C-alpha atoms as a PDB file:
ATOM      1  CA  MET A   1       8.681   1.125  25.922  1.00  0.00           C
ATOM      2  CA  LYS A   2       9.797  -2.103  27.531  1.00  0.00           C
ATOM      3  CA  LYS A   3       8.026  -5.175  26.193  1.00  0.00           C
ATOM      4  CA  LEU A   4       6.493  -7.366  28.975  1.00  0.00           C
ATOM      5  CA  LEU A   5       5.876 -11.071  28.668  1.00  0.00           C
ATOM      6  CA  TYR A   6       2.191 -11.716  28.246  1.00  0.00           C
ATOM      7  CA  THR A   7       0.254 -14.978  28.430  1.00  0.00           C
ATOM      8  CA  ALA A   8      -3.324 -15.216  27.189  1.00  0.00           C
ATOM      9  CA  ILE A   9      -5.943 -17.946  27.321  1.00  0.00           C
ATOM     10  CA  CYS A  10      -8.353 -17.845  24.352  1.00  0.00           C
ATOM     11  CA  LEU A  11     -11.955 -18.072  25.530  1.00  0.00           C
ATOM     12  CA  THR A  12     -15.354 -17.675  23.947  1.00  0.00           C
ATOM     13  CA  THR A  13     -16.253 -14.291  22.507  1.00  0.00           C
ATOM     14  CA  LEU A  14     -17.454 -11.720  24.992  1.00  0.00           C
ATOM     15  CA  PHE A  15     -19.639  -8.833  23.903  1.00  0.00           C
ATOM     16  CA  ILE A  16     -18.416  -5.631  25.576  1.00  0.00           C
ATOM     17  CA  PRO A  17     -20.913  -2.729  25.574  1.00  0.00           C
ATOM     18  CA  GLY A  18     -20.241   0.939  26.107  1.00  0.00           C
ATOM     19  CA  ALA A  19     -16.801   1.082  24.535  1.00  0.00           C
ATOM     20  CA  CYS A  20     -15.056   4.410  24.123  1.00  0.00           C
ATOM     21  CA  THR A  21     -12.735   5.285  21.262  1.00  0.00           C
ATOM     22  CA  GLU A  22      -9.286   6.880  20.947  1.00  0.00           C
ATOM     23  CA  ASP A  23     -10.978  10.187  20.110  1.00  0.00           C
ATOM     24  CA  THR A  24     -12.650  10.347  23.535  1.00  0.00           C
ATOM     25  CA  PRO A  25     -11.012  12.897  25.887  1.00  0.00           C
ATOM     26  CA  ASP A  26      -8.323  11.280  28.016  1.00  0.00           C
ATOM     27  CA  VAL A  27     -10.456  10.575  31.091  1.00  0.00           C
ATOM     28  CA  SER A  28     -10.752   6.802  30.664  1.00  0.00           C
ATOM     29  CA  ASP A  29      -9.721   4.416  33.402  1.00  0.00           C
ATOM     30  CA  VAL A  30      -8.495   1.968  30.753  1.00  0.00           C
ATOM     31  CA  VAL A  31      -6.851   2.657  27.367  1.00  0.00           C
ATOM     32  CA  VAL A  32      -5.526   0.779  24.344  1.00  0.00           C
ATOM     33  CA  PHE A  33      -3.026   2.470  22.022  1.00  0.00           C
ATOM     34  CA  VAL A  34      -2.318   1.012  18.585  1.00  0.00           C
ATOM     35  CA  GLU A  35       0.612   1.627  16.236  1.00  0.00           C
ATOM     36  CA  PRO A  36       0.775   2.396  13.357  1.00  0.00           C
ATOM     37  CA  SER A  37      -1.673   5.280  13.427  1.00  0.00           C
ATOM     38  CA  ASN A  38      -4.851   5.562  11.366  1.00  0.00           C
ATOM     39  CA  ASP A  39      -3.527   8.513   9.332  1.00  0.00           C
ATOM     40  CA  SER A  40      -3.252   6.510   6.106  1.00  0.00           C
ATOM     41  CA  LEU A  41      -5.161   3.619   4.561  1.00  0.00           C
ATOM     42  CA  PRO A  42      -2.775   0.692   4.015  1.00  0.00           C
ATOM     43  CA  THR A  43      -3.354  -1.726   1.130  1.00  0.00           C
ATOM     44  CA  LEU A  44      -2.689  -5.434   1.594  1.00  0.00           C
ATOM     45  CA  TYR A  45      -3.036  -8.293  -0.858  1.00  0.00           C
ATOM     46  CA  SER A  46      -4.522 -11.650   0.115  1.00  0.00           C
ATOM     47  CA  GLY A  47      -1.965 -13.460   2.247  1.00  0.00           C
ATOM     48  CA  ASP A  48      -0.009 -10.312   3.128  1.00  0.00           C
ATOM     49  CA  LYS A  49       0.705  -9.636   6.792  1.00  0.00           C
ATOM     50  CA  LYS A  50       0.661  -6.389   8.777  1.00  0.00           C
ATOM     51  CA  ARG A  51       1.987  -5.923  12.313  1.00  0.00           C
ATOM     52  CA  TYR A  52       0.249  -3.823  14.963  1.00  0.00           C
ATOM     53  CA  GLU A  53       1.797  -2.867  18.304  1.00  0.00           C
ATOM     54  CA  LEU A  54      -0.698  -2.598  21.167  1.00  0.00           C
ATOM     55  CA  GLU A  55      -0.174  -0.913  24.525  1.00  0.00           C
ATOM     56  CA  LEU A  56      -2.909  -1.639  27.086  1.00  0.00           C
ATOM     57  CA  SER A  57      -3.164  -0.072  30.536  1.00  0.00           C
ATOM     58  CA  THR A  58      -5.575   0.693  33.360  1.00  0.00           C
ATOM     59  CA  ILE A  59      -5.417   2.820  36.501  1.00  0.00           C
ATOM     60  CA  HIS A  60      -7.034  -0.069  38.402  1.00  0.00           C
ATOM     61  CA  ASP A  61      -5.646  -3.410  39.544  1.00  0.00           C
ATOM     62  CA  HIS A  62      -5.229  -5.239  36.242  1.00  0.00           C
ATOM     63  CA  ILE A  63      -6.283  -5.782  32.642  1.00  0.00           C
ATOM     64  CA  HIS A  64      -8.894  -8.531  32.661  1.00  0.00           C
ATOM     65  CA  ARG A  65      -9.589  -9.218  28.996  1.00  0.00           C
ATOM     66  CA  PHE A  66      -8.892  -8.007  25.485  1.00  0.00           C
ATOM     67  CA  SER A  67     -10.149  -8.914  22.043  1.00  0.00           C
ATOM     68  CA  ILE A  68      -9.473  -8.159  18.392  1.00  0.00           C
ATOM     69  CA  LYS A  69     -12.192  -8.368  15.761  1.00  0.00           C
ATOM     70  CA  SER A  70     -12.394  -7.593  12.066  1.00  0.00           C
ATOM     71  CA  PHE A  71     -15.436  -6.278  10.244  1.00  0.00           C
ATOM     72  CA  ASP A  72     -16.291  -6.027   6.560  1.00  0.00           C
ATOM     73  CA  VAL A  73     -19.590  -5.846   4.662  1.00  0.00           C
ATOM     74  CA  TYR A  74     -18.935  -9.226   3.037  1.00  0.00           C
ATOM     75  CA  ARG A  75     -18.278 -11.432   6.098  1.00  0.00           C
ATOM     76  CA  GLY A  76     -19.450  -9.270   8.998  1.00  0.00           C
ATOM     77  CA  TYR A  77     -17.661  -9.571  12.351  1.00  0.00           C
ATOM     78  CA  ILE A  78     -14.877 -12.128  12.777  1.00  0.00           C
ATOM     79  CA  THR A  79     -13.194 -12.693  16.143  1.00  0.00           C
ATOM     80  CA  LEU A  80      -9.438 -12.834  15.617  1.00  0.00           C
ATOM     81  CA  LEU A  81      -8.485 -12.959  19.311  1.00  0.00           C
ATOM     82  CA  ASP A  82     -10.498 -13.081  22.545  1.00  0.00           C
ATOM     83  CA  SER A  83      -8.390 -13.643  25.645  1.00  0.00           C
ATOM     84  CA  VAL A  84      -8.368 -13.377  29.405  1.00  0.00           C
ATOM     85  CA  CYS A  85      -5.133 -12.196  31.024  1.00  0.00           C
ATOM     86  CA  GLU A  86      -3.760 -14.769  33.446  1.00  0.00           C
ATOM     87  CA  GLN A  87      -1.059 -12.443  34.736  1.00  0.00           C
ATOM     88  CA  LYS A  88      -2.572  -9.715  36.879  1.00  0.00           C
ATOM     89  CA  ARG A  89      -0.864  -6.668  35.372  1.00  0.00           C
ATOM     90  CA  ASN A  90      -2.191  -3.163  34.960  1.00  0.00           C
ATOM     91  CA  SER A  91      -0.260  -2.622  31.724  1.00  0.00           C
ATOM     92  CA  PHE A  92       1.452  -4.656  29.030  1.00  0.00           C
ATOM     93  CA  THR A  93       2.280  -4.616  25.340  1.00  0.00           C
ATOM     94  CA  TYR A  94       1.211  -7.063  22.672  1.00  0.00           C
ATOM     95  CA  ASP A  95       2.244  -7.564  19.047  1.00  0.00           C
ATOM     96  CA  PHE A  96      -0.566  -8.612  16.729  1.00  0.00           C
ATOM     97  CA  VAL A  97       0.005  -9.741  13.146  1.00  0.00           C
ATOM     98  CA  TYR A  98      -2.992  -9.480  10.833  1.00  0.00           C
ATOM     99  CA  THR A  99      -3.090 -11.759   7.779  1.00  0.00           C
ATOM    100  CA  ALA A 100      -5.214 -10.529   4.869  1.00  0.00           C
ATOM    101  CA  SER A 101      -7.794 -13.133   3.893  1.00  0.00           C
ATOM    102  CA  GLU A 102      -8.399 -14.620   0.473  1.00  0.00           C
ATOM    103  CA  ILE A 103     -11.336 -12.817  -1.149  1.00  0.00           C
ATOM    104  CA  ASP A 104     -13.419 -13.444  -4.276  1.00  0.00           C
ATOM    105  CA  ARG A 105     -13.694  -9.796  -5.334  1.00  0.00           C
ATOM    106  CA  GLU A 106     -11.283  -7.101  -6.422  1.00  0.00           C
ATOM    107  CA  GLN A 107     -11.005  -5.415  -3.033  1.00  0.00           C
ATOM    108  CA  LEU A 108     -12.557  -5.272   0.415  1.00  0.00           C
ATOM    109  CA  MET A 109     -12.469  -2.586   3.107  1.00  0.00           C
ATOM    110  CA  VAL A 110     -11.711  -4.045   6.556  1.00  0.00           C
ATOM    111  CA  GLU A 111     -12.018  -2.460   9.999  1.00  0.00           C
ATOM    112  CA  LEU A 112     -10.015  -3.892  12.916  1.00  0.00           C
ATOM    113  CA  ARG A 113     -11.368  -3.298  16.429  1.00  0.00           C
ATOM    114  CA  PHE A 114      -9.061  -3.598  19.443  1.00  0.00           C
ATOM    115  CA  THR A 115     -11.019  -3.776  22.729  1.00  0.00           C
ATOM    116  CA  VAL A 116      -9.736  -3.961  26.316  1.00  0.00           C
ATOM    117  CA  GLU A 117     -11.569  -4.418  29.647  1.00  0.00           C
ATOM    118  CA  ASP A 118     -10.088  -4.057  33.124  1.00  0.00           C
ATOM    119  CA  ASN A 119     -10.998  -5.847  36.369  1.00  0.00           C
ATOM    120  CA  GLU A 120     -13.629  -3.235  37.242  1.00  0.00           C
ATOM    121  CA  GLY A 121     -15.434  -3.542  33.903  1.00  0.00           C
ATOM    122  CA  ASN A 122     -14.086  -0.358  32.325  1.00  0.00           C
ATOM    123  CA  VAL A 123     -13.786  -0.709  28.545  1.00  0.00           C
ATOM    124  CA  ALA A 124     -11.835   1.059  25.789  1.00  0.00           C
ATOM    125  CA  GLU A 125     -11.724   0.474  22.053  1.00  0.00           C
ATOM    126  CA  ASN A 126      -9.438   1.510  19.183  1.00  0.00           C
ATOM    127  CA  LYS A 127      -9.936   0.994  15.451  1.00  0.00           C
ATOM    128  CA  ARG A 128      -7.760   0.670  12.364  1.00  0.00           C
ATOM    129  CA  ASN A 129      -8.873   0.530   8.730  1.00  0.00           C
ATOM    130  CA  LEU A 130      -7.220  -1.176   5.787  1.00  0.00           C
ATOM    131  CA  ARG A 131      -7.897  -2.266   2.216  1.00  0.00           C
ATOM    132  CA  VAL A 132      -7.499  -5.887   1.095  1.00  0.00           C
ATOM    133  CA  ARG A 133      -7.036  -6.564  -2.613  1.00  0.00           C
ATOM    134  CA  ASN A 134      -7.220  -9.843  -4.507  1.00  0.00           C
ATOM    135  CA  LYS A 135      -3.860 -10.877  -5.958  1.00  0.00           C
ATOM    136  CA  LEU A 136      -5.462 -12.945  -8.709  1.00  0.00           C
ATOM    137  CA  ILE A 137      -7.812 -10.297 -10.092  1.00  0.00           C
ATOM    138  CA  THR A 138      -6.700  -8.801 -13.410  1.00  0.00           C
ATOM    139  CA  LEU A 139      -5.583  -5.253 -12.727  1.00  0.00           C
ATOM    140  CA  ASN A 140      -7.417  -2.320 -14.254  1.00  0.00           C
ATOM    141  CA  GLU A 141      -5.525  -0.205 -16.752  1.00  0.00           C
ATOM    142  CA  LEU A 142      -4.980   3.518 -16.472  1.00  0.00           C
ATOM    143  CA  ASN A 143      -4.937   4.677 -20.093  1.00  0.00           C
ATOM    144  CA  GLY A 144      -4.237   7.942 -21.839  1.00  0.00           C
ATOM    145  CA  ILE A 145      -0.976   8.773 -20.050  1.00  0.00           C
ATOM    146  CA  VAL A 146       1.249  11.050 -22.169  1.00  0.00           C
ATOM    147  CA  LEU A 147       4.886  11.910 -21.503  1.00  0.00           C
ATOM    148  CA  TYR A 148       6.534  14.553 -23.665  1.00  0.00           C
ATOM    149  CA  SER A 149      10.032  15.343 -24.803  1.00  0.00           C
ATOM    150  CA  PRO A 150      12.101  17.148 -22.150  1.00  0.00           C
ATOM    151  CA  TYR A 151      12.618  19.873 -24.786  1.00  0.00           C
ATOM    152  CA  SER A 152       8.902  20.661 -24.913  1.00  0.00           C
ATOM    153  CA  ASP A 153       8.321  22.103 -21.398  1.00  0.00           C
ATOM    154  CA  ASN A 154       5.369  19.698 -21.126  1.00  0.00           C
ATOM    155  CA  PRO A 155       5.014  16.866 -18.561  1.00  0.00           C
ATOM    156  CA  ASP A 156       7.899  14.399 -18.870  1.00  0.00           C
ATOM    157  CA  ALA A 157       7.936  12.707 -15.436  1.00  0.00           C
ATOM    158  CA  ILE A 158       5.752  10.504 -13.236  1.00  0.00           C
ATOM    159  CA  ASN A 159       5.447   9.770  -9.544  1.00  0.00           C
ATOM    160  CA  LEU A 160       3.913   6.329  -8.964  1.00  0.00           C
ATOM    161  CA  ALA A 161       1.747   7.651  -6.135  1.00  0.00           C
ATOM    162  CA  ASP A 162      -0.419   9.268  -8.837  1.00  0.00           C
ATOM    163  CA  VAL A 163       0.450   8.118 -12.334  1.00  0.00           C
ATOM    164  CA  SER A 164      -2.518  10.054 -13.721  1.00  0.00           C
ATOM    165  CA  GLN A 165      -0.749  13.361 -12.999  1.00  0.00           C
ATOM    166  CA  PRO A 166       2.546  13.589 -14.969  1.00  0.00           C
ATOM    167  CA  PHE A 167       4.588  16.727 -14.347  1.00  0.00           C
ATOM    168  CA  THR A 168       7.404  18.720 -15.909  1.00  0.00           C
ATOM    169  CA  SER A 169      10.499  17.630 -14.034  1.00  0.00           C
ATOM    170  CA  LYS A 170      12.612  20.726 -14.608  1.00  0.00           C
ATOM    171  CA  PHE A 171       9.910  23.132 -13.381  1.00  0.00           C
ATOM    172  CA  SER A 172       8.138  21.145 -10.653  1.00  0.00           C
ATOM    173  CA  PRO A 173       9.129  21.440  -6.980  1.00  0.00           C
ATOM    174  CA  ASP A 174       8.540  17.670  -6.903  1.00  0.00           C
ATOM    175  CA  SER A 175      11.212  16.907  -9.482  1.00  0.00           C
ATOM    176  CA  LEU A 176      13.175  14.834  -6.954  1.00  0.00           C
ATOM    177  CA  LYS A 177      10.075  12.636  -6.558  1.00  0.00           C
ATOM    178  CA  ALA A 178      10.156  11.552 -10.210  1.00  0.00           C
ATOM    179  CA  ASP A 179       9.987   7.749 -10.116  1.00  0.00           C
ATOM    180  CA  LEU A 180      10.597   7.959 -13.840  1.00  0.00           C
ATOM    181  CA  TYR A 181      11.465  10.762 -16.211  1.00  0.00           C
ATOM    182  CA  VAL A 182      12.139  10.977 -19.944  1.00  0.00           C
ATOM    183  CA  GLU A 183      15.595  11.481 -21.354  1.00  0.00           C
ATOM    184  CA  ALA A 184      15.737  11.824 -25.165  1.00  0.00           C
ATOM    185  CA  ASP A 185      17.461  13.441 -28.116  1.00  0.00           C
ATOM    186  CA  THR A 186      15.854  16.335 -30.001  1.00  0.00           C
ATOM    187  CA  THR A 187      14.376  13.981 -32.631  1.00  0.00           C
ATOM    188  CA  PHE A 188      12.597  11.976 -29.908  1.00  0.00           C
ATOM    189  CA  ILE A 189      13.744   8.737 -31.486  1.00  0.00           C
ATOM    190  CA  ARG A 190      16.318   7.647 -28.920  1.00  0.00           C
ATOM    191  CA  ILE A 191      14.270   7.662 -25.721  1.00  0.00           C
ATOM    192  CA  ASN A 192      15.330   6.513 -22.245  1.00  0.00           C
ATOM    193  CA  TRP A 193      13.712   6.362 -18.824  1.00  0.00           C
ATOM    194  CA  LYS A 194      15.576   7.101 -15.620  1.00  0.00           C
ATOM    195  CA  SER A 195      14.569   7.655 -11.984  1.00  0.00           C
ATOM    196  CA  ARG A 196      15.347  10.168  -9.261  1.00  0.00           C
ATOM    197  CA  THR A 197      13.960   7.904  -6.526  1.00  0.00           C
ATOM    198  CA  LYS A 198      16.134   4.859  -7.238  1.00  0.00           C
ATOM    199  CA  ALA A 199      13.271   3.064  -8.955  1.00  0.00           C
ATOM    200  CA  LYS A 200      14.246  -0.057 -10.863  1.00  0.00           C
ATOM    201  CA  PHE A 201      13.080  -1.114 -14.340  1.00  0.00           C
ATOM    202  CA  VAL A 202      12.557  -4.471 -16.040  1.00  0.00           C
ATOM    203  CA  ARG A 203      11.817  -4.616 -19.778  1.00  0.00           C
ATOM    204  CA  ASN A 204      10.006  -7.884 -20.532  1.00  0.00           C
ATOM    205  CA  ASN A 205       8.099  -7.835 -23.814  1.00  0.00           C
ATOM    206  CA  SER A 206       6.897 -11.417 -23.343  1.00  0.00           C
ATOM    207  CA  PHE A 207       5.000 -10.412 -20.192  1.00  0.00           C
ATOM    208  CA  ASN A 208       1.216 -10.682 -20.666  1.00  0.00           C
ATOM    209  CA  TYR A 209       0.199  -7.105 -19.959  1.00  0.00           C
ATOM    210  CA  THR A 210      -3.460  -7.685 -20.908  1.00  0.00           C
ATOM    211  CA  THR A 211      -4.129 -10.220 -18.133  1.00  0.00           C
ATOM    212  CA  ALA A 212      -1.575  -8.887 -15.624  1.00  0.00           C
ATOM    213  CA  THR A 213      -2.233  -9.577 -11.947  1.00  0.00           C
ATOM    214  CA  ALA A 214      -0.354  -8.292  -8.922  1.00  0.00           C
ATOM    215  CA  THR A 215       1.114 -11.749  -8.319  1.00  0.00           C
ATOM    216  CA  GLN A 216       2.408 -12.024 -11.886  1.00  0.00           C
ATOM    217  CA  ILE A 217       3.973  -8.553 -11.864  1.00  0.00           C
ATOM    218  CA  GLN A 218       5.718  -9.193  -8.559  1.00  0.00           C
ATOM    219  CA  ALA A 219       6.979 -12.637  -9.620  1.00  0.00           C
ATOM    220  CA  VAL A 220       8.475 -11.427 -12.904  1.00  0.00           C
ATOM    221  CA  TYR A 221       9.959  -8.300 -11.348  1.00  0.00           C
ATOM    222  CA  GLN A 222      11.615 -10.212  -8.507  1.00  0.00           C
ATOM    223  CA  SER A 223      13.032 -12.933 -10.768  1.00  0.00           C
ATOM    224  CA  SER A 224      14.462 -10.507 -13.355  1.00  0.00           C
ATOM    225  CA  VAL A 225      17.598  -8.420 -13.571  1.00  0.00           C
ATOM    226  CA  ARG A 226      16.548  -4.915 -12.567  1.00  0.00           C
ATOM    227  CA  SER A 227      18.138  -1.800 -14.069  1.00  0.00           C
ATOM    228  CA  ASP A 228      18.521   1.821 -13.024  1.00  0.00           C
ATOM    229  CA  ALA A 229      17.405   2.932 -16.505  1.00  0.00           C
ATOM    230  CA  VAL A 230      15.700   1.573 -19.602  1.00  0.00           C
ATOM    231  CA  GLN A 231      17.106   2.656 -22.955  1.00  0.00           C
ATOM    232  CA  ASN A 232      15.859   2.980 -26.525  1.00  0.00           C
ATOM    233  CA  LEU A 233      12.164   2.620 -25.805  1.00  0.00           C
ATOM    234  CA  SER A 234       9.996   1.217 -28.604  1.00  0.00           C
ATOM    235  CA  VAL A 235       6.293   0.821 -29.296  1.00  0.00           C
ATOM    236  CA  ASN A 236       4.841  -2.208 -27.438  1.00  0.00           C
ATOM    237  CA  ASP A 237       7.635  -2.304 -24.882  1.00  0.00           C
ATOM    238  CA  ILE A 238       6.456  -3.681 -21.522  1.00  0.00           C
ATOM    239  CA  ILE A 239       8.287  -2.068 -18.599  1.00  0.00           C
ATOM    240  CA  LEU A 240       7.857  -3.289 -15.014  1.00  0.00           C
ATOM    241  CA  ILE A 241       8.796  -0.796 -12.316  1.00  0.00           C
ATOM    242  CA  GLY A 242       9.395  -0.914  -8.576  1.00  0.00           C
ATOM    243  CA  HIS A 243      11.768  -0.084  -5.754  1.00  0.00           C
ATOM    244  CA  ASN A 244      14.329  -2.523  -4.370  1.00  0.00           C
ATOM    245  CA  ASP A 245      12.724  -5.977  -4.707  1.00  0.00           C
ATOM    246  CA  THR A 246       9.114  -4.762  -4.573  1.00  0.00           C
ATOM    247  CA  ALA A 247       7.208  -4.268  -7.825  1.00  0.00           C
ATOM    248  CA  GLU A 248       4.747  -1.397  -8.074  1.00  0.00           C
ATOM    249  CA  GLY A 249       3.304  -1.706 -11.571  1.00  0.00           C
ATOM    250  CA  VAL A 250       3.826  -2.190 -15.291  1.00  0.00           C
ATOM    251  CA  PHE A 251       3.791   0.233 -18.238  1.00  0.00           C
ATOM    252  CA  HIS A 252       2.875  -0.477 -21.849  1.00  0.00           C
ATOM    253  CA  ILE A 253       4.341   1.836 -24.524  1.00  0.00           C
ATOM    254  CA  LYS A 254       1.359   2.227 -26.857  1.00  0.00           C
ATOM    255  CA  ASN A 255       2.680   4.830 -29.257  1.00  0.00           C
ATOM    256  CA  ILE A 256       5.696   7.029 -29.877  1.00  0.00           C
ATOM    257  CA  ILE A 257       5.287  10.232 -31.857  1.00  0.00           C
ATOM    258  CA  PRO A 258       8.681  11.622 -32.928  1.00  0.00           C
ATOM    259  CA  ALA A 259       9.540  15.297 -33.297  1.00  0.00           C
ATOM    260  CA  ASP A 260       8.706  16.945 -36.608  1.00  0.00           C
ATOM    261  CA  GLU A 261       9.259  20.206 -38.476  1.00  0.00           C
ATOM    262  CA  SER A 262       5.917  21.649 -37.358  1.00  0.00           C
ATOM    263  CA  GLY A 263       7.265  22.248 -33.866  1.00  0.00           C
ATOM    264  CA  ASN A 264       6.024  19.046 -32.270  1.00  0.00           C
ATOM    265  CA  LYS A 265       8.794  17.898 -29.898  1.00  0.00           C
ATOM    266  CA  GLY A 266       7.536  14.316 -29.599  1.00  0.00           C
ATOM    267  CA  CYS A 267       5.691  12.281 -26.981  1.00  0.00           C
ATOM    268  CA  LEU A 268       5.026   8.806 -25.557  1.00  0.00           C
ATOM    269  CA  GLN A 269       1.516   7.418 -25.109  1.00  0.00           C
ATOM    270  CA  LEU A 270       1.283   4.898 -22.260  1.00  0.00           C
ATOM    271  CA  GLY A 271      -0.956   2.519 -20.369  1.00  0.00           C
ATOM    272  CA  TYR A 272      -0.284   1.545 -16.767  1.00  0.00           C
ATOM    273  CA  LYS A 273      -1.404  -1.178 -14.367  1.00  0.00           C
ATOM    274  CA  GLY A 274      -0.459  -0.476 -10.780  1.00  0.00           C
ATOM    275  CA  ILE A 275      -0.157  -2.868  -7.879  1.00  0.00           C
ATOM    276  CA  LYS A 276      -0.239  -0.131  -5.252  1.00  0.00           C
ATOM    277  CA  THR A 277      -3.038   2.367  -4.900  1.00  0.00           C
ATOM    278  CA  VAL A 278      -2.885   5.812  -3.326  1.00  0.00           C
ATOM    279  CA  GLN A 279      -3.012   5.305   0.428  1.00  0.00           C
END
């Protein structure tokens, strides 16, 4: 799709009644397509940016006006862009970059509305939803996570998309999705973590896990030497985890129970604070 040069003049907000949505059968005179799709719910932190690609077109002479608004229950409607098209074209593309606002709560659901009107007054609308989280809010802990010895046939691996559901790496069809898995000797004293998704680890036992925020986790992770594995885990180890240069969370090793003569193969008891949520 060839990008066309577009010039807009920002004017006062115009209320446009009778808008149709992308779910309306394709009989509209005017349409606005937005990428990415609305299939998933993206999560942004205050100050983060997200790019949307718009394609606007009409079967009539030209696009007259288009606007972009955000809505949330905290601030109501906010006009982000309201413009009249100086160039009389019946189609063009436009790149819009949304910047997540600073908020005073843990998270906020935001709806973006993209509206277009042609020269004959035909109107179309498209919507996208996203979640905005506060970088400075202390992250909630997911507690009670248990990883077992790989000799036990119990869960020994985690995918960060759902840390609450560990799985047994050697039996699960999702074994290649293990962001971390346990490698240990039969005594469960020498314990390592590795990854099958190229996750990176940072052990930093001076990191303040109790008051961890997304900003703090990301800053420490990015400024540290990241490893493909973490070896010889101990109680109270603090392990940051992510992919490439993007942190995704931090683990706290709360307890290690070694193997014993009763048949117990050993396990790790963990807490976790995640930056990313399931989207």
